[in-house]
Amino acid sequence: MALIATYTPSVAGTPPTFANSAAGDTAPVGDRLYLIAKNTTGAPVTVTLVTPGLLPTGDAYPDKVYTIPATTGEQWIPLLQDYADPSDGLAHLTWSAPGAGVTRAVVRV
């Protein structure tokens, strides 16, 4: 499991550091936290945020899936409290193609 560190912008204006996506990525959740996902590969990539819990019917809440377009795609994804896993308080991410060319950072804005 790879916990993605949170970057908070500074007055100096330094950009966040992006790292390759990985199987088992996790991220903190909360107000003003965003996952920035970038894709430089030749095909679209999806990232799924697991939504824990059950509906009143007993069915699982649907997971939220985002598609990052190919080659120059970038997606800003809010890390809502709804994604917090009760066991660790973190969002759990699943990438359709983790690794080189698919990078991510968590930013507090």
N, C-alpha and C. Protein backbone atom coordinates (compact mmCIF):
# COMPACT_ATOMS: atom_id res chain seq x y z
N MET A 1 0.84 -1.17 0.00
CA MET A 1 0.00 0.00 0.00
C MET A 1 0.89 1.23 0.00
N ALA A 2 0.62 2.18 -0.91
CA ALA A 2 1.42 3.39 -1.02
C ALA A 2 0.57 4.61 -0.66
N LEU A 3 0.84 5.20 0.50
CA LEU A 3 0.13 6.40 0.90
C LEU A 3 0.71 7.59 0.14
N ILE A 4 -0.15 8.30 -0.57
CA ILE A 4 0.28 9.48 -1.33
C ILE A 4 0.35 10.66 -0.36
N ALA A 5 1.52 11.25 -0.25
CA ALA A 5 1.70 12.39 0.66
C ALA A 5 0.92 13.59 0.17
N THR A 6 0.48 14.42 1.12
CA THR A 6 -0.27 15.63 0.77
C THR A 6 0.68 16.80 0.59
N TYR A 7 0.48 17.53 -0.51
CA TYR A 7 1.27 18.72 -0.80
C TYR A 7 0.41 19.94 -0.51
N THR A 8 0.95 20.90 0.22
CA THR A 8 0.26 22.17 0.47
C THR A 8 1.06 23.26 -0.22
N PRO A 9 0.45 23.98 -1.18
CA PRO A 9 1.18 25.03 -1.89
C PRO A 9 1.73 26.08 -0.92
N SER A 10 2.86 26.66 -1.31
CA SER A 10 3.50 27.68 -0.48
C SER A 10 3.55 29.00 -1.24
N VAL A 11 3.93 30.04 -0.53
CA VAL A 11 4.07 31.36 -1.14
C VAL A 11 5.13 31.33 -2.24
N ALA A 12 6.11 30.45 -2.11
CA ALA A 12 7.18 30.35 -3.11
C ALA A 12 6.66 29.84 -4.46
N GLY A 13 5.49 29.23 -4.45
CA GLY A 13 4.90 28.78 -5.70
C GLY A 13 5.48 27.50 -6.25
N THR A 14 6.15 26.70 -5.42
CA THR A 14 6.72 25.45 -5.91
C THR A 14 5.61 24.45 -6.22
N PRO A 15 5.76 23.70 -7.31
CA PRO A 15 4.72 22.74 -7.71
C PRO A 15 4.80 21.45 -6.89
N PRO A 16 3.72 20.69 -6.87
CA PRO A 16 3.76 19.40 -6.19
C PRO A 16 4.65 18.42 -6.94
N THR A 17 5.12 17.41 -6.24
CA THR A 17 5.90 16.35 -6.86
C THR A 17 4.96 15.23 -7.25
N PHE A 18 5.01 14.85 -8.52
CA PHE A 18 4.19 13.75 -9.02
C PHE A 18 5.02 12.47 -9.03
N ALA A 19 4.38 11.37 -8.66
CA ALA A 19 5.04 10.06 -8.67
C ALA A 19 4.17 9.10 -9.45
N ASN A 20 4.78 8.01 -9.93
CA ASN A 20 4.03 7.01 -10.67
C ASN A 20 2.92 6.43 -9.81
N SER A 21 1.77 6.20 -10.43
CA SER A 21 0.68 5.54 -9.74
C SER A 21 1.11 4.11 -9.42
N ALA A 22 0.48 3.53 -8.39
CA ALA A 22 0.87 2.18 -7.97
C ALA A 22 -0.36 1.41 -7.52
N ALA A 23 -0.29 0.11 -7.69
CA ALA A 23 -1.35 -0.75 -7.17
C ALA A 23 -1.39 -0.56 -5.66
N GLY A 24 -2.57 -0.42 -5.11
CA GLY A 24 -2.69 -0.25 -3.67
C GLY A 24 -2.50 1.17 -3.19
N ASP A 25 -2.56 2.17 -4.08
CA ASP A 25 -2.44 3.56 -3.65
C ASP A 25 -3.55 3.90 -2.66
N THR A 26 -3.19 4.70 -1.66
CA THR A 26 -4.16 5.26 -0.74
C THR A 26 -3.90 6.75 -0.63
N ALA A 27 -4.93 7.49 -0.19
CA ALA A 27 -4.80 8.94 -0.07
C ALA A 27 -5.64 9.43 1.09
N PRO A 28 -5.19 10.52 1.72
CA PRO A 28 -6.02 11.12 2.76
C PRO A 28 -7.28 11.72 2.14
N VAL A 29 -8.30 11.88 2.94
CA VAL A 29 -9.55 12.48 2.47
C VAL A 29 -9.86 13.71 3.32
N GLY A 30 -10.68 14.60 2.78
CA GLY A 30 -11.10 15.76 3.56
C GLY A 30 -11.34 16.97 2.70
N ASP A 31 -11.80 18.02 3.37
CA ASP A 31 -12.07 19.28 2.68
C ASP A 31 -10.81 19.81 2.02
N ARG A 32 -10.96 20.28 0.80
CA ARG A 32 -9.90 20.94 0.04
C ARG A 32 -8.76 20.01 -0.37
N LEU A 33 -8.97 18.69 -0.31
CA LEU A 33 -7.95 17.75 -0.79
C LEU A 33 -8.36 17.22 -2.16
N TYR A 34 -7.40 17.24 -3.08
CA TYR A 34 -7.65 16.77 -4.44
C TYR A 34 -6.55 15.82 -4.88
N LEU A 35 -6.95 14.78 -5.59
CA LEU A 35 -6.01 13.91 -6.28
C LEU A 35 -5.85 14.49 -7.68
N ILE A 36 -4.61 14.79 -8.06
CA ILE A 36 -4.35 15.23 -9.43
C ILE A 36 -3.73 14.04 -10.14
N ALA A 37 -4.41 13.56 -11.17
CA ALA A 37 -3.93 12.40 -11.94
C ALA A 37 -3.56 12.87 -13.34
N LYS A 38 -2.37 12.47 -13.81
CA LYS A 38 -1.90 12.82 -15.15
C LYS A 38 -1.60 11.55 -15.92
N ASN A 39 -1.87 11.60 -17.22
CA ASN A 39 -1.65 10.43 -18.08
C ASN A 39 -0.92 10.85 -19.35
N THR A 40 0.29 10.32 -19.55
CA THR A 40 1.04 10.60 -20.77
C THR A 40 1.14 9.36 -21.66
N THR A 41 0.42 8.31 -21.30
CA THR A 41 0.43 7.10 -22.12
C THR A 41 -0.45 7.29 -23.36
N GLY A 42 -0.43 6.33 -24.25
CA GLY A 42 -1.19 6.42 -25.49
C GLY A 42 -2.64 5.98 -25.39
N ALA A 43 -3.10 5.65 -24.19
CA ALA A 43 -4.48 5.19 -24.02
C ALA A 43 -5.08 5.81 -22.77
N PRO A 44 -6.39 6.01 -22.76
CA PRO A 44 -7.03 6.51 -21.54
C PRO A 44 -6.81 5.55 -20.38
N VAL A 45 -6.79 6.09 -19.18
CA VAL A 45 -6.60 5.31 -17.96
C VAL A 45 -7.74 5.67 -17.01
N THR A 46 -8.21 4.70 -16.26
CA THR A 46 -9.23 4.99 -15.25
C THR A 46 -8.62 4.85 -13.86
N VAL A 47 -9.15 5.66 -12.96
CA VAL A 47 -8.85 5.51 -11.54
C VAL A 47 -10.19 5.37 -10.83
N THR A 48 -10.27 4.37 -9.97
CA THR A 48 -11.49 4.10 -9.22
C THR A 48 -11.26 4.42 -7.75
N LEU A 49 -12.16 5.21 -7.18
CA LEU A 49 -12.14 5.48 -5.74
C LEU A 49 -13.20 4.58 -5.12
N VAL A 50 -12.76 3.72 -4.25
CA VAL A 50 -13.67 2.77 -3.61
C VAL A 50 -14.55 3.53 -2.63
N THR A 51 -15.85 3.30 -2.72
CA THR A 51 -16.80 3.92 -1.79
C THR A 51 -17.25 2.85 -0.81
N PRO A 52 -16.80 2.92 0.45
CA PRO A 52 -17.16 1.89 1.42
C PRO A 52 -18.60 2.06 1.90
N GLY A 53 -19.13 1.01 2.46
CA GLY A 53 -20.45 1.09 3.08
C GLY A 53 -21.53 0.46 2.23
N LEU A 54 -22.72 0.41 2.81
CA LEU A 54 -23.86 -0.22 2.16
C LEU A 54 -25.03 0.75 2.09
N LEU A 55 -25.79 0.62 1.02
CA LEU A 55 -27.04 1.34 0.87
C LEU A 55 -28.06 0.74 1.84
N PRO A 56 -29.16 1.43 2.13
CA PRO A 56 -30.19 0.86 2.99
C PRO A 56 -30.74 -0.48 2.48
N THR A 57 -30.60 -0.74 1.18
CA THR A 57 -31.05 -2.00 0.60
C THR A 57 -30.09 -3.15 0.89
N GLY A 58 -28.89 -2.82 1.41
CA GLY A 58 -27.88 -3.84 1.65
C GLY A 58 -26.88 -3.96 0.52
N ASP A 59 -27.15 -3.29 -0.60
CA ASP A 59 -26.21 -3.30 -1.72
C ASP A 59 -25.05 -2.34 -1.44
N ALA A 60 -23.92 -2.62 -2.05
CA ALA A 60 -22.76 -1.75 -1.87
C ALA A 60 -22.98 -0.43 -2.59
N TYR A 61 -22.45 0.66 -1.98
CA TYR A 61 -22.44 1.94 -2.69
C TYR A 61 -21.60 1.76 -3.95
N PRO A 62 -21.98 2.41 -5.05
CA PRO A 62 -21.15 2.29 -6.26
C PRO A 62 -19.84 3.04 -6.08
N ASP A 63 -18.77 2.48 -6.60
CA ASP A 63 -17.47 3.15 -6.59
C ASP A 63 -17.50 4.28 -7.62
N LYS A 64 -16.66 5.28 -7.43
CA LYS A 64 -16.57 6.41 -8.35
C LYS A 64 -15.39 6.18 -9.29
N VAL A 65 -15.65 6.22 -10.60
CA VAL A 65 -14.63 5.98 -11.61
C VAL A 65 -14.41 7.26 -12.42
N TYR A 66 -13.14 7.63 -12.57
CA TYR A 66 -12.75 8.78 -13.38
C TYR A 66 -11.87 8.29 -14.52
N THR A 67 -12.04 8.90 -15.70
CA THR A 67 -11.21 8.56 -16.86
C THR A 67 -10.26 9.71 -17.13
N ILE A 68 -8.96 9.38 -17.22
CA ILE A 68 -7.94 10.37 -17.54
C ILE A 68 -7.58 10.15 -19.01
N PRO A 69 -7.82 11.16 -19.86
CA PRO A 69 -7.57 10.99 -21.29
C PRO A 69 -6.11 10.66 -21.60
N ALA A 70 -5.89 10.11 -22.79
CA ALA A 70 -4.55 9.72 -23.24
C ALA A 70 -3.68 10.93 -23.54
N THR A 71 -2.42 10.72 -23.51
CA THR A 71 -1.29 11.59 -23.88
C THR A 71 -1.10 12.84 -23.04
N THR A 72 -2.09 13.68 -22.88
CA THR A 72 -1.91 14.89 -22.08
C THR A 72 -3.04 15.06 -21.08
N GLY A 73 -3.68 13.97 -20.70
CA GLY A 73 -4.83 14.05 -19.82
C GLY A 73 -4.46 14.41 -18.40
N GLU A 74 -5.31 15.21 -17.78
CA GLU A 74 -5.15 15.57 -16.38
C GLU A 74 -6.53 15.68 -15.77
N GLN A 75 -6.69 15.14 -14.57
CA GLN A 75 -7.98 15.17 -13.88
C GLN A 75 -7.74 15.58 -12.43
N TRP A 76 -8.54 16.54 -11.95
CA TRP A 76 -8.52 16.94 -10.54
C TRP A 76 -9.72 16.28 -9.88
N ILE A 77 -9.48 15.43 -8.90
CA ILE A 77 -10.53 14.61 -8.30
C ILE A 77 -10.64 14.96 -6.82
N PRO A 78 -11.83 15.41 -6.38
CA PRO A 78 -11.99 15.72 -4.95
C PRO A 78 -11.94 14.45 -4.11
N LEU A 79 -11.20 14.50 -3.04
CA LEU A 79 -11.07 13.36 -2.13
C LEU A 79 -12.06 13.54 -0.98
N LEU A 80 -13.30 13.23 -1.27
CA LEU A 80 -14.39 13.44 -0.34
C LEU A 80 -14.30 12.50 0.86
N GLN A 81 -14.82 12.95 1.98
CA GLN A 81 -14.87 12.13 3.18
C GLN A 81 -15.61 10.82 2.92
N ASP A 82 -16.53 10.82 1.96
CA ASP A 82 -17.30 9.61 1.61
C ASP A 82 -16.42 8.45 1.20
N TYR A 83 -15.19 8.73 0.76
CA TYR A 83 -14.29 7.68 0.30
C TYR A 83 -13.45 7.08 1.42
N ALA A 84 -13.58 7.59 2.64
CA ALA A 84 -12.76 7.11 3.77
C ALA A 84 -13.14 5.69 4.14
N ASP A 85 -12.16 4.80 4.08
CA ASP A 85 -12.38 3.42 4.50
C ASP A 85 -12.43 3.42 6.03
N PRO A 86 -13.44 2.77 6.63
CA PRO A 86 -13.55 2.79 8.09
C PRO A 86 -12.35 2.16 8.81
N SER A 87 -11.62 1.28 8.15
CA SER A 87 -10.51 0.60 8.81
C SER A 87 -9.28 1.49 8.98
N ASP A 88 -9.07 2.46 8.06
CA ASP A 88 -7.86 3.29 8.16
C ASP A 88 -8.11 4.77 7.89
N GLY A 89 -9.33 5.14 7.51
CA GLY A 89 -9.65 6.54 7.26
C GLY A 89 -9.14 7.10 5.95
N LEU A 90 -8.61 6.23 5.07
CA LEU A 90 -8.02 6.67 3.81
C LEU A 90 -8.89 6.27 2.62
N ALA A 91 -8.72 6.98 1.51
CA ALA A 91 -9.33 6.57 0.25
C ALA A 91 -8.44 5.50 -0.37
N HIS A 92 -9.06 4.48 -0.95
CA HIS A 92 -8.33 3.42 -1.63
C HIS A 92 -8.56 3.56 -3.13
N LEU A 93 -7.45 3.60 -3.89
CA LEU A 93 -7.51 3.85 -5.33
C LEU A 93 -7.12 2.61 -6.11
N THR A 94 -7.79 2.42 -7.23
CA THR A 94 -7.44 1.34 -8.15
C THR A 94 -7.23 1.96 -9.53
N TRP A 95 -6.07 1.69 -10.14
CA TRP A 95 -5.74 2.22 -11.47
C TRP A 95 -5.90 1.12 -12.51
N SER A 96 -6.42 1.46 -13.69
CA SER A 96 -6.53 0.46 -14.75
C SER A 96 -5.16 0.11 -15.33
N ALA A 97 -4.23 1.04 -15.27
CA ALA A 97 -2.86 0.80 -15.77
C ALA A 97 -1.88 1.59 -14.91
N PRO A 98 -1.54 1.08 -13.72
CA PRO A 98 -0.62 1.81 -12.86
C PRO A 98 0.80 1.78 -13.40
N GLY A 99 1.59 2.75 -12.99
CA GLY A 99 3.00 2.73 -13.34
C GLY A 99 3.42 3.92 -14.17
N ALA A 100 4.51 3.75 -14.90
CA ALA A 100 5.11 4.83 -15.68
C ALA A 100 4.11 5.44 -16.64
N GLY A 101 4.12 6.76 -16.70
CA GLY A 101 3.23 7.48 -17.60
C GLY A 101 1.91 7.88 -16.97
N VAL A 102 1.60 7.29 -15.82
CA VAL A 102 0.40 7.64 -15.07
C VAL A 102 0.87 8.10 -13.70
N THR A 103 0.86 9.41 -13.49
CA THR A 103 1.40 9.97 -12.26
C THR A 103 0.29 10.64 -11.46
N ARG A 104 0.59 10.82 -10.15
CA ARG A 104 -0.42 11.41 -9.28
C ARG A 104 0.23 12.18 -8.14
N ALA A 105 -0.56 13.11 -7.59
CA ALA A 105 -0.18 13.87 -6.41
C ALA A 105 -1.47 14.22 -5.68
N VAL A 106 -1.36 14.43 -4.38
CA VAL A 106 -2.49 14.92 -3.58
C VAL A 106 -2.15 16.33 -3.15
N VAL A 107 -3.09 17.25 -3.39
CA VAL A 107 -2.86 18.67 -3.10
C VAL A 107 -3.99 19.20 -2.23
N ARG A 108 -3.60 19.99 -1.23
CA ARG A 108 -4.59 20.72 -0.41
C ARG A 108 -4.68 22.12 -0.98
N VAL A 109 -5.88 22.53 -1.38
CA VAL A 109 -6.06 23.87 -1.97
C VAL A 109 -6.92 24.74 -1.09
